[in-house]
Amino acid sequence: MKKRISVVLLTIFLMLAITSIAMAAGAEKEVKGLSNEVKMFIALASGLGIAIAAFGGALGQGRSIAAALEGIARNPGASGKLLTPMIIGLAMIESLVIYSLVVSLMLVMKL
């Protein structure tokens, strides 16, 4: 069931990405700038991009914290050994969300 859901979500995401690319290709003919339709799809793509990145980052951080806390609960003496790698992992996950934010802001600033 999880595989079907992930395939459906990936298909929807790819369809939205391809549609925005197709709409942007038609705007190359305009000399003055981007049309309103292209601006709308860029805003939609940046909003969806940051939403998906935040959702994925939250899931990843939740799972990593849950695994670390489970390990600490089983062996309290290992808390010092688990804390540093967990913090580094959380920082790496958060950096991916920040990269998505930067890309989304770059797209929006082109409008």
PDB file of N, CA and C in Angstrom:
ATOM      1  N   MET A   1       0.819  -1.191   0.000  1.00  0.00           N
ATOM      2  CA  MET A   1       0.000   0.000   0.000  1.00  0.00           C
ATOM      3  C   MET A   1       0.867   1.261   0.000  1.00  0.00           C
ATOM      4  N   LYS A   2       1.949   1.251   0.807  1.00  0.00           N
ATOM      5  CA  LYS A   2       2.823   2.414   0.859  1.00  0.00           C
ATOM      6  C   LYS A   2       3.502   2.638  -0.490  1.00  0.00           C
ATOM      7  N   LYS A   3       3.803   1.546  -1.171  1.00  0.00           N
ATOM      8  CA  LYS A   3       4.451   1.673  -2.473  1.00  0.00           C
ATOM      9  C   LYS A   3       3.506   2.321  -3.478  1.00  0.00           C
ATOM     10  N   ARG A   4       2.254   1.945  -3.447  1.00  0.00           N
ATOM     11  CA  ARG A   4       1.264   2.545  -4.355  1.00  0.00           C
ATOM     12  C   ARG A   4       1.109   4.039  -4.092  1.00  0.00           C
ATOM     13  N   ILE A   5       1.040   4.400  -2.816  1.00  0.00           N
ATOM     14  CA  ILE A   5       0.880   5.808  -2.464  1.00  0.00           C
ATOM     15  C   ILE A   5       2.090   6.613  -2.924  1.00  0.00           C
ATOM     16  N   SER A   6       3.283   6.053  -2.711  1.00  0.00           N
ATOM     17  CA  SER A   6       4.482   6.783  -3.129  1.00  0.00           C
ATOM     18  C   SER A   6       4.550   6.901  -4.649  1.00  0.00           C
ATOM     19  N   VAL A   7       4.122   5.873  -5.372  1.00  0.00           N
ATOM     20  CA  VAL A   7       4.113   5.940  -6.836  1.00  0.00           C
ATOM     21  C   VAL A   7       3.110   6.980  -7.314  1.00  0.00           C
ATOM     22  N   VAL A   8       1.943   7.026  -6.689  1.00  0.00           N
ATOM     23  CA  VAL A   8       0.924   8.005  -7.078  1.00  0.00           C
ATOM     24  C   VAL A   8       1.410   9.423  -6.789  1.00  0.00           C
ATOM     25  N   LEU A   9       2.002   9.642  -5.616  1.00  0.00           N
ATOM     26  CA  LEU A   9       2.496  10.980  -5.280  1.00  0.00           C
ATOM     27  C   LEU A   9       3.637  11.397  -6.201  1.00  0.00           C
ATOM     28  N   LEU A  10       4.530  10.470  -6.526  1.00  0.00           N
ATOM     29  CA  LEU A  10       5.622  10.778  -7.445  1.00  0.00           C
ATOM     30  C   LEU A  10       5.093  11.099  -8.832  1.00  0.00           C
ATOM     31  N   THR A  11       4.078  10.364  -9.277  1.00  0.00           N
ATOM     32  CA  THR A  11       3.480  10.630 -10.581  1.00  0.00           C
ATOM     33  C   THR A  11       2.833  12.010 -10.621  1.00  0.00           C
ATOM     34  N   ILE A  12       2.109  12.357  -9.579  1.00  0.00           N
ATOM     35  CA  ILE A  12       1.478  13.679  -9.524  1.00  0.00           C
ATOM     36  C   ILE A  12       2.530  14.778  -9.519  1.00  0.00           C
ATOM     37  N   PHE A  13       3.584  14.590  -8.732  1.00  0.00           N
ATOM     38  CA  PHE A  13       4.650  15.580  -8.675  1.00  0.00           C
ATOM     39  C   PHE A  13       5.320  15.746 -10.039  1.00  0.00           C
ATOM     40  N   LEU A  14       5.607  14.645 -10.713  1.00  0.00           N
ATOM     41  CA  LEU A  14       6.243  14.721 -12.030  1.00  0.00           C
ATOM     42  C   LEU A  14       5.321  15.369 -13.063  1.00  0.00           C
ATOM     43  N   MET A  15       4.028  15.084 -12.978  1.00  0.00           N
ATOM     44  CA  MET A  15       3.089  15.712 -13.906  1.00  0.00           C
ATOM     45  C   MET A  15       3.054  17.221 -13.694  1.00  0.00           C
ATOM     46  N   LEU A  16       3.061  17.651 -12.448  1.00  0.00           N
ATOM     47  CA  LEU A  16       3.070  19.088 -12.171  1.00  0.00           C
ATOM     48  C   LEU A  16       4.368  19.728 -12.652  1.00  0.00           C
ATOM     49  N   ALA A  17       5.481  19.031 -12.466  1.00  0.00           N
ATOM     50  CA  ALA A  17       6.767  19.572 -12.912  1.00  0.00           C
ATOM     51  C   ALA A  17       6.826  19.670 -14.426  1.00  0.00           C
ATOM     52  N   ILE A  18       6.358  18.641 -15.121  1.00  0.00           N
ATOM     53  CA  ILE A  18       6.392  18.652 -16.584  1.00  0.00           C
ATOM     54  C   ILE A  18       5.440  19.705 -17.133  1.00  0.00           C
ATOM     55  N   THR A  19       4.291  19.872 -16.483  1.00  0.00           N
ATOM     56  CA  THR A  19       3.337  20.880 -16.937  1.00  0.00           C
ATOM     57  C   THR A  19       3.929  22.281 -16.805  1.00  0.00           C
ATOM     58  N   SER A  20       4.605  22.544 -15.708  1.00  0.00           N
ATOM     59  CA  SER A  20       5.190  23.879 -15.535  1.00  0.00           C
ATOM     60  C   SER A  20       6.307  24.115 -16.538  1.00  0.00           C
ATOM     61  N   ILE A  21       7.066  23.084 -16.872  1.00  0.00           N
ATOM     62  CA  ILE A  21       8.115  23.226 -17.887  1.00  0.00           C
ATOM     63  C   ILE A  21       7.493  23.499 -19.247  1.00  0.00           C
ATOM     64  N   ALA A  22       6.414  22.788 -19.563  1.00  0.00           N
ATOM     65  CA  ALA A  22       5.756  22.985 -20.849  1.00  0.00           C
ATOM     66  C   ALA A  22       5.171  24.390 -20.955  1.00  0.00           C
ATOM     67  N   MET A  23       4.610  24.881 -19.867  1.00  0.00           N
ATOM     68  CA  MET A  23       4.062  26.237 -19.887  1.00  0.00           C
ATOM     69  C   MET A  23       5.177  27.275 -19.998  1.00  0.00           C
ATOM     70  N   ALA A  24       6.298  27.024 -19.384  1.00  0.00           N
ATOM     71  CA  ALA A  24       7.414  27.967 -19.451  1.00  0.00           C
ATOM     72  C   ALA A  24       8.034  27.984 -20.840  1.00  0.00           C
ATOM     73  N   ALA A  25       7.974  26.867 -21.560  1.00  0.00           N
ATOM     74  CA  ALA A  25       8.553  26.814 -22.897  1.00  0.00           C
ATOM     75  C   ALA A  25       7.795  27.727 -23.861  1.00  0.00           C
ATOM     76  N   GLY A  26       6.502  27.868 -23.672  1.00  0.00           N
ATOM     77  CA  GLY A  26       5.719  28.735 -24.547  1.00  0.00           C
ATOM     78  C   GLY A  26       5.970  30.211 -24.280  1.00  0.00           C
ATOM     79  N   ALA A  27       6.497  30.544 -23.137  1.00  0.00           N
ATOM     80  CA  ALA A  27       6.714  31.941 -22.776  1.00  0.00           C
ATOM     81  C   ALA A  27       8.005  32.499 -23.361  1.00  0.00           C
ATOM     82  N   GLU A  28       8.828  31.666 -23.970  1.00  0.00           N
ATOM     83  CA  GLU A  28      10.082  32.149 -24.535  1.00  0.00           C
ATOM     84  C   GLU A  28       9.856  33.092 -25.716  1.00  0.00           C
ATOM     85  N   LYS A  29       8.706  33.019 -26.331  1.00  0.00           N
ATOM     86  CA  LYS A  29       8.409  33.853 -27.493  1.00  0.00           C
ATOM     87  C   LYS A  29       8.148  35.306 -27.103  1.00  0.00           C
ATOM     88  N   GLU A  30       7.760  35.538 -25.878  1.00  0.00           N
ATOM     89  CA  GLU A  30       7.453  36.890 -25.450  1.00  0.00           C
ATOM     90  C   GLU A  30       8.733  37.674 -25.216  1.00  0.00           C
ATOM     91  N   VAL A  31       8.739  38.921 -25.646  1.00  0.00           N
ATOM     92  CA  VAL A  31       9.933  39.745 -25.530  1.00  0.00           C
ATOM     93  C   VAL A  31       9.956  40.491 -24.202  1.00  0.00           C
ATOM     94  N   LYS A  32       8.820  40.956 -23.729  1.00  0.00           N
ATOM     95  CA  LYS A  32       8.768  41.825 -22.556  1.00  0.00           C
ATOM     96  C   LYS A  32       8.978  41.084 -21.241  1.00  0.00           C
ATOM     97  N   GLY A  33       8.712  39.813 -21.173  1.00  0.00           N
ATOM     98  CA  GLY A  33       8.881  39.086 -19.909  1.00  0.00           C
ATOM     99  C   GLY A  33       7.993  37.872 -19.860  1.00  0.00           C
ATOM    100  N   LEU A  34       7.781  37.401 -18.676  1.00  0.00           N
ATOM    101  CA  LEU A  34       6.987  36.209 -18.474  1.00  0.00           C
ATOM    102  C   LEU A  34       5.501  36.546 -18.474  1.00  0.00           C
ATOM    103  N   SER A  35       4.721  35.622 -19.026  1.00  0.00           N
ATOM    104  CA  SER A  35       3.276  35.830 -19.014  1.00  0.00           C
ATOM    105  C   SER A  35       2.737  35.520 -17.620  1.00  0.00           C
ATOM    106  N   ASN A  36       1.501  35.874 -17.399  1.00  0.00           N
ATOM    107  CA  ASN A  36       0.885  35.639 -16.100  1.00  0.00           C
ATOM    108  C   ASN A  36       0.740  34.156 -15.799  1.00  0.00           C
ATOM    109  N   GLU A  37       0.495  33.344 -16.842  1.00  0.00           N
ATOM    110  CA  GLU A  37       0.365  31.903 -16.635  1.00  0.00           C
ATOM    111  C   GLU A  37       1.672  31.298 -16.159  1.00  0.00           C
ATOM    112  N   VAL A  38       2.773  31.724 -16.750  1.00  0.00           N
ATOM    113  CA  VAL A  38       4.078  31.200 -16.353  1.00  0.00           C
ATOM    114  C   VAL A  38       4.405  31.642 -14.932  1.00  0.00           C
ATOM    115  N   LYS A  39       4.097  32.889 -14.588  1.00  0.00           N
ATOM    116  CA  LYS A  39       4.320  33.368 -13.237  1.00  0.00           C
ATOM    117  C   LYS A  39       3.503  32.557 -12.230  1.00  0.00           C
ATOM    118  N   MET A  40       2.277  32.221 -12.621  1.00  0.00           N
ATOM    119  CA  MET A  40       1.420  31.435 -11.746  1.00  0.00           C
ATOM    120  C   MET A  40       2.020  30.050 -11.510  1.00  0.00           C
ATOM    121  N   PHE A  41       2.529  29.420 -12.567  1.00  0.00           N
ATOM    122  CA  PHE A  41       3.095  28.086 -12.407  1.00  0.00           C
ATOM    123  C   PHE A  41       4.421  28.114 -11.666  1.00  0.00           C
ATOM    124  N   ILE A  42       5.195  29.166 -11.812  1.00  0.00           N
ATOM    125  CA  ILE A  42       6.435  29.286 -11.035  1.00  0.00           C
ATOM    126  C   ILE A  42       6.100  29.431  -9.555  1.00  0.00           C
ATOM    127  N   ALA A  43       5.104  30.238  -9.232  1.00  0.00           N
ATOM    128  CA  ALA A  43       4.695  30.393  -7.834  1.00  0.00           C
ATOM    129  C   ALA A  43       4.154  29.083  -7.277  1.00  0.00           C
ATOM    130  N   LEU A  44       3.384  28.367  -8.078  1.00  0.00           N
ATOM    131  CA  LEU A  44       2.849  27.077  -7.654  1.00  0.00           C
ATOM    132  C   LEU A  44       3.977  26.068  -7.438  1.00  0.00           C
ATOM    133  N   ALA A  45       4.926  26.034  -8.343  1.00  0.00           N
ATOM    134  CA  ALA A  45       6.045  25.097  -8.225  1.00  0.00           C
ATOM    135  C   ALA A  45       6.898  25.405  -7.008  1.00  0.00           C
ATOM    136  N   SER A  46       7.153  26.667  -6.752  1.00  0.00           N
ATOM    137  CA  SER A  46       7.971  27.014  -5.577  1.00  0.00           C
ATOM    138  C   SER A  46       7.222  26.705  -4.282  1.00  0.00           C
ATOM    139  N   GLY A  47       5.941  26.947  -4.260  1.00  0.00           N
ATOM    140  CA  GLY A  47       5.152  26.618  -3.069  1.00  0.00           C
ATOM    141  C   GLY A  47       5.088  25.121  -2.814  1.00  0.00           C
ATOM    142  N   LEU A  48       4.844  24.352  -3.873  1.00  0.00           N
ATOM    143  CA  LEU A  48       4.815  22.904  -3.716  1.00  0.00           C
ATOM    144  C   LEU A  48       6.191  22.353  -3.354  1.00  0.00           C
ATOM    145  N   GLY A  49       7.230  22.933  -3.925  1.00  0.00           N
ATOM    146  CA  GLY A  49       8.578  22.464  -3.636  1.00  0.00           C
ATOM    147  C   GLY A  49       8.946  22.629  -2.180  1.00  0.00           C
ATOM    148  N   ILE A  50       8.660  23.784  -1.623  1.00  0.00           N
ATOM    149  CA  ILE A  50       9.004  24.011  -0.216  1.00  0.00           C
ATOM    150  C   ILE A  50       8.092  23.198   0.693  1.00  0.00           C
ATOM    151  N   ALA A  51       6.845  22.988   0.289  1.00  0.00           N
ATOM    152  CA  ALA A  51       5.934  22.177   1.101  1.00  0.00           C
ATOM    153  C   ALA A  51       6.393  20.722   1.151  1.00  0.00           C
ATOM    154  N   ILE A  52       6.774  20.175   0.005  1.00  0.00           N
ATOM    155  CA  ILE A  52       7.249  18.791  -0.037  1.00  0.00           C
ATOM    156  C   ILE A  52       8.559  18.651   0.727  1.00  0.00           C
ATOM    157  N   ALA A  53       9.440  19.627   0.595  1.00  0.00           N
ATOM    158  CA  ALA A  53      10.716  19.566   1.315  1.00  0.00           C
ATOM    159  C   ALA A  53      10.498  19.640   2.818  1.00  0.00           C
ATOM    160  N   ALA A  54       9.602  20.509   3.267  1.00  0.00           N
ATOM    161  CA  ALA A  54       9.329  20.623   4.703  1.00  0.00           C
ATOM    162  C   ALA A  54       8.685  19.346   5.236  1.00  0.00           C
ATOM    163  N   PHE A  55       7.793  18.759   4.453  1.00  0.00           N
ATOM    164  CA  PHE A  55       7.140  17.516   4.855  1.00  0.00           C
ATOM    165  C   PHE A  55       8.158  16.381   4.956  1.00  0.00           C
ATOM    166  N   GLY A  56       9.014  16.262   3.946  1.00  0.00           N
ATOM    167  CA  GLY A  56      10.033  15.219   3.971  1.00  0.00           C
ATOM    168  C   GLY A  56      11.042  15.426   5.078  1.00  0.00           C
ATOM    169  N   GLY A  57      11.438  16.677   5.302  1.00  0.00           N
ATOM    170  CA  GLY A  57      12.365  16.973   6.381  1.00  0.00           C
ATOM    171  C   GLY A  57      11.776  16.658   7.746  1.00  0.00           C
ATOM    172  N   ALA A  58      10.505  16.972   7.926  1.00  0.00           N
ATOM    173  CA  ALA A  58       9.858  16.680   9.200  1.00  0.00           C
ATOM    174  C   ALA A  58       9.761  15.178   9.434  1.00  0.00           C
ATOM    175  N   LEU A  59       9.445  14.424   8.385  1.00  0.00           N
ATOM    176  CA  LEU A  59       9.402  12.973   8.525  1.00  0.00           C
ATOM    177  C   LEU A  59      10.774  12.405   8.866  1.00  0.00           C
ATOM    178  N   GLY A  60      11.795  12.869   8.169  1.00  0.00           N
ATOM    179  CA  GLY A  60      13.152  12.382   8.419  1.00  0.00           C
ATOM    180  C   GLY A  60      13.636  12.716   9.812  1.00  0.00           C
ATOM    181  N   GLN A  61      13.370  13.933  10.257  1.00  0.00           N
ATOM    182  CA  GLN A  61      13.791  14.323  11.602  1.00  0.00           C
ATOM    183  C   GLN A  61      13.028  13.548  12.670  1.00  0.00           C
ATOM    184  N   GLY A  62      11.755  13.338  12.440  1.00  0.00           N
ATOM    185  CA  GLY A  62      10.960  12.575  13.410  1.00  0.00           C
ATOM    186  C   GLY A  62      11.451  11.145  13.541  1.00  0.00           C
ATOM    187  N   ARG A  63      11.752  10.531  12.404  1.00  0.00           N
ATOM    188  CA  ARG A  63      12.244   9.147  12.455  1.00  0.00           C
ATOM    189  C   ARG A  63      13.617   9.054  13.098  1.00  0.00           C
ATOM    190  N   SER A  64      14.486  10.014  12.803  1.00  0.00           N
ATOM    191  CA  SER A  64      15.823   9.945  13.386  1.00  0.00           C
ATOM    192  C   SER A  64      15.789  10.184  14.899  1.00  0.00           C
ATOM    193  N   ILE A  65      14.961  11.103  15.345  1.00  0.00           N
ATOM    194  CA  ILE A  65      14.846  11.353  16.784  1.00  0.00           C
ATOM    195  C   ILE A  65      14.215  10.158  17.478  1.00  0.00           C
ATOM    196  N   ALA A  66      13.196   9.562  16.853  1.00  0.00           N
ATOM    197  CA  ALA A  66      12.560   8.388  17.452  1.00  0.00           C
ATOM    198  C   ALA A  66      13.546   7.233  17.573  1.00  0.00           C
ATOM    199  N   ALA A  67      14.367   7.017  16.555  1.00  0.00           N
ATOM    200  CA  ALA A  67      15.349   5.936  16.617  1.00  0.00           C
ATOM    201  C   ALA A  67      16.402   6.214  17.682  1.00  0.00           C
ATOM    202  N   ALA A  68      16.845   7.451  17.787  1.00  0.00           N
ATOM    203  CA  ALA A  68      17.845   7.787  18.805  1.00  0.00           C
ATOM    204  C   ALA A  68      17.268   7.636  20.209  1.00  0.00           C
ATOM    205  N   LEU A  69      16.052   8.087  20.419  1.00  0.00           N
ATOM    206  CA  LEU A  69      15.443   7.955  21.741  1.00  0.00           C
ATOM    207  C   LEU A  69      15.166   6.504  22.097  1.00  0.00           C
ATOM    208  N   GLU A  70      14.837   5.708  21.107  1.00  0.00           N
ATOM    209  CA  GLU A  70      14.642   4.284  21.362  1.00  0.00           C
ATOM    210  C   GLU A  70      15.958   3.626  21.763  1.00  0.00           C
ATOM    211  N   GLY A  71      17.040   4.013  21.096  1.00  0.00           N
ATOM    212  CA  GLY A  71      18.349   3.491  21.461  1.00  0.00           C
ATOM    213  C   GLY A  71      18.774   3.917  22.844  1.00  0.00           C
ATOM    214  N   ILE A  72      18.481   5.165  23.201  1.00  0.00           N
ATOM    215  CA  ILE A  72      18.819   5.649  24.546  1.00  0.00           C
ATOM    216  C   ILE A  72      17.958   4.940  25.594  1.00  0.00           C
ATOM    217  N   ALA A  73      16.694   4.673  25.266  1.00  0.00           N
ATOM    218  CA  ALA A  73      15.817   3.987  26.215  1.00  0.00           C
ATOM    219  C   ALA A  73      16.296   2.562  26.467  1.00  0.00           C
ATOM    220  N   ARG A  74      16.815   1.906  25.439  1.00  0.00           N
ATOM    221  CA  ARG A  74      17.311   0.541  25.615  1.00  0.00           C
ATOM    222  C   ARG A  74      18.635   0.507  26.351  1.00  0.00           C
ATOM    223  N   ASN A  75      19.484   1.506  26.103  1.00  0.00           N
ATOM    224  CA  ASN A  75      20.801   1.540  26.728  1.00  0.00           C
ATOM    225  C   ASN A  75      21.106   2.978  27.141  1.00  0.00           C
ATOM    226  N   PRO A  76      20.735   3.378  28.344  1.00  0.00           N
ATOM    227  CA  PRO A  76      20.952   4.761  28.772  1.00  0.00           C
ATOM    228  C   PRO A  76      22.419   5.172  28.785  1.00  0.00           C
ATOM    229  N   GLY A  77      23.315   4.240  28.878  1.00  0.00           N
ATOM    230  CA  GLY A  77      24.731   4.570  28.894  1.00  0.00           C
ATOM    231  C   GLY A  77      25.249   5.029  27.542  1.00  0.00           C
ATOM    232  N   ALA A  78      24.502   4.754  26.483  1.00  0.00           N
ATOM    233  CA  ALA A  78      24.934   5.123  25.138  1.00  0.00           C
ATOM    234  C   ALA A  78      24.421   6.494  24.714  1.00  0.00           C
ATOM    235  N   SER A  79      23.842   7.234  25.629  1.00  0.00           N
ATOM    236  CA  SER A  79      23.258   8.525  25.238  1.00  0.00           C
ATOM    237  C   SER A  79      24.313   9.499  24.729  1.00  0.00           C
ATOM    238  N   GLY A  80      25.498   9.472  25.310  1.00  0.00           N
ATOM    239  CA  GLY A  80      26.563  10.365  24.840  1.00  0.00           C
ATOM    240  C   GLY A  80      27.029  10.011  23.440  1.00  0.00           C
ATOM    241  N   LYS A  81      27.049   8.715  23.121  1.00  0.00           N
ATOM    242  CA  LYS A  81      27.486   8.272  21.798  1.00  0.00           C
ATOM    243  C   LYS A  81      26.417   8.503  20.736  1.00  0.00           C
ATOM    244  N   LEU A  82      25.165   8.571  21.140  1.00  0.00           N
ATOM    245  CA  LEU A  82      24.079   8.753  20.174  1.00  0.00           C
ATOM    246  C   LEU A  82      23.735  10.219  19.928  1.00  0.00           C
ATOM    247  N   LEU A  83      24.008  11.071  20.878  1.00  0.00           N
ATOM    248  CA  LEU A  83      23.570  12.466  20.789  1.00  0.00           C
ATOM    249  C   LEU A  83      24.263  13.232  19.664  1.00  0.00           C
ATOM    250  N   THR A  84      25.583  13.117  19.567  1.00  0.00           N
ATOM    251  CA  THR A  84      26.320  13.887  18.553  1.00  0.00           C
ATOM    252  C   THR A  84      25.960  13.477  17.127  1.00  0.00           C
ATOM    253  N   PRO A  85      25.945  12.161  16.798  1.00  0.00           N
ATOM    254  CA  PRO A  85      25.535  11.801  15.430  1.00  0.00           C
ATOM    255  C   PRO A  85      24.089  12.181  15.109  1.00  0.00           C
ATOM    256  N   MET A  86      23.222  12.149  16.136  1.00  0.00           N
ATOM    257  CA  MET A  86      21.832  12.544  15.903  1.00  0.00           C
ATOM    258  C   MET A  86      21.751  14.029  15.560  1.00  0.00           C
ATOM    259  N   ILE A  87      22.479  14.878  16.280  1.00  0.00           N
ATOM    260  CA  ILE A  87      22.461  16.322  16.014  1.00  0.00           C
ATOM    261  C   ILE A  87      23.035  16.606  14.629  1.00  0.00           C
ATOM    262  N   ILE A  88      24.110  15.914  14.256  1.00  0.00           N
ATOM    263  CA  ILE A  88      24.695  16.104  12.919  1.00  0.00           C
ATOM    264  C   ILE A  88      23.713  15.670  11.847  1.00  0.00           C
ATOM    265  N   GLY A  89      23.034  14.540  12.059  1.00  0.00           N
ATOM    266  CA  GLY A  89      22.029  14.071  11.102  1.00  0.00           C
ATOM    267  C   GLY A  89      20.867  15.034  10.956  1.00  0.00           C
ATOM    268  N   LEU A  90      20.417  15.594  12.074  1.00  0.00           N
ATOM    269  CA  LEU A  90      19.326  16.572  12.018  1.00  0.00           C
ATOM    270  C   LEU A  90      19.752  17.827  11.260  1.00  0.00           C
ATOM    271  N   ALA A  91      20.993  18.238  11.439  1.00  0.00           N
ATOM    272  CA  ALA A  91      21.492  19.410  10.714  1.00  0.00           C
ATOM    273  C   ALA A  91      21.553  19.132   9.216  1.00  0.00           C
ATOM    274  N   MET A  92      21.955  17.918   8.842  1.00  0.00           N
ATOM    275  CA  MET A  92      22.000  17.560   7.414  1.00  0.00           C
ATOM    276  C   MET A  92      20.602  17.536   6.804  1.00  0.00           C
ATOM    277  N   ILE A  93      19.656  16.990   7.543  1.00  0.00           N
ATOM    278  CA  ILE A  93      18.280  16.958   7.036  1.00  0.00           C
ATOM    279  C   ILE A  93      17.746  18.378   6.880  1.00  0.00           C
ATOM    280  N   GLU A  94      18.013  19.220   7.853  1.00  0.00           N
ATOM    281  CA  GLU A  94      17.525  20.602   7.797  1.00  0.00           C
ATOM    282  C   GLU A  94      18.197  21.380   6.674  1.00  0.00           C
ATOM    283  N   SER A  95      19.446  21.045   6.369  1.00  0.00           N
ATOM    284  CA  SER A  95      20.122  21.756   5.278  1.00  0.00           C
ATOM    285  C   SER A  95      19.453  21.474   3.943  1.00  0.00           C
ATOM    286  N   LEU A  96      18.927  20.273   3.758  1.00  0.00           N
ATOM    287  CA  LEU A  96      18.210  19.975   2.513  1.00  0.00           C
ATOM    288  C   LEU A  96      16.944  20.810   2.394  1.00  0.00           C
ATOM    289  N   VAL A  97      16.253  21.020   3.496  1.00  0.00           N
ATOM    290  CA  VAL A  97      15.054  21.867   3.475  1.00  0.00           C
ATOM    291  C   VAL A  97      15.443  23.313   3.178  1.00  0.00           C
ATOM    292  N   ILE A  98      16.555  23.761   3.728  1.00  0.00           N
ATOM    293  CA  ILE A  98      17.010  25.130   3.472  1.00  0.00           C
ATOM    294  C   ILE A  98      17.416  25.295   2.013  1.00  0.00           C
ATOM    295  N   TYR A  99      18.047  24.271   1.423  1.00  0.00           N
ATOM    296  CA  TYR A  99      18.382  24.335  -0.005  1.00  0.00           C
ATOM    297  C   TYR A  99      17.120  24.468  -0.843  1.00  0.00           C
ATOM    298  N   SER A 100      16.078  23.746  -0.482  1.00  0.00           N
ATOM    299  CA  SER A 100      14.810  23.862  -1.205  1.00  0.00           C
ATOM    300  C   SER A 100      14.227  25.265  -1.048  1.00  0.00           C
ATOM    301  N   LEU A 101      14.353  25.841   0.136  1.00  0.00           N
ATOM    302  CA  LEU A 101      13.882  27.209   0.352  1.00  0.00           C
ATOM    303  C   LEU A 101      14.650  28.189  -0.531  1.00  0.00           C
ATOM    304  N   VAL A 102      15.957  28.006  -0.627  1.00  0.00           N
ATOM    305  CA  VAL A 102      16.774  28.894  -1.463  1.00  0.00           C
ATOM    306  C   VAL A 102      16.365  28.793  -2.930  1.00  0.00           C
ATOM    307  N   VAL A 103      16.156  27.568  -3.408  1.00  0.00           N
ATOM    308  CA  VAL A 103      15.738  27.387  -4.805  1.00  0.00           C
ATOM    309  C   VAL A 103      14.370  28.012  -5.037  1.00  0.00           C
ATOM    310  N   SER A 104      13.449  27.831  -4.102  1.00  0.00           N
ATOM    311  CA  SER A 104      12.119  28.428  -4.243  1.00  0.00           C
ATOM    312  C   SER A 104      12.191  29.949  -4.248  1.00  0.00           C
ATOM    313  N   LEU A 105      13.012  30.499  -3.377  1.00  0.00           N
ATOM    314  CA  LEU A 105      13.155  31.966  -3.365  1.00  0.00           C
ATOM    315  C   LEU A 105      13.800  32.479  -4.650  1.00  0.00           C
ATOM    316  N   MET A 106      14.746  31.741  -5.187  1.00  0.00           N
ATOM    317  CA  MET A 106      15.355  32.147  -6.450  1.00  0.00           C
ATOM    318  C   MET A 106      14.341  32.138  -7.581  1.00  0.00           C
ATOM    319  N   LEU A 107      13.443  31.145  -7.585  1.00  0.00           N
ATOM    320  CA  LEU A 107      12.397  31.108  -8.600  1.00  0.00           C
ATOM    321  C   LEU A 107      11.443  32.288  -8.451  1.00  0.00           C
ATOM    322  N   VAL A 108      11.054  32.566  -7.222  1.00  0.00           N
ATOM    323  CA  VAL A 108      10.100  33.657  -7.001  1.00  0.00           C
ATOM    324  C   VAL A 108      10.715  35.006  -7.311  1.00  0.00           C
ATOM    325  N   MET A 109      11.998  35.179  -7.024  1.00  0.00           N
ATOM    326  CA  MET A 109      12.654  36.453  -7.299  1.00  0.00           C
ATOM    327  C   MET A 109      12.804  36.722  -8.802  1.00  0.00           C
ATOM    328  N   LYS A 110      12.707  35.679  -9.614  1.00  0.00           N
ATOM    329  CA  LYS A 110      12.773  35.872 -11.073  1.00  0.00           C
ATOM    330  C   LYS A 110      11.500  36.501 -11.606  1.00  0.00           C
ATOM    331  N   LEU A 111      10.421  36.426 -10.818  1.00  0.00           N
ATOM    332  CA  LEU A 111       9.151  37.004 -11.259  1.00  0.00           C
ATOM    333  C   LEU A 111       9.319  38.486 -11.254  1.00  0.00           C
TER     334      LEU A 111
END
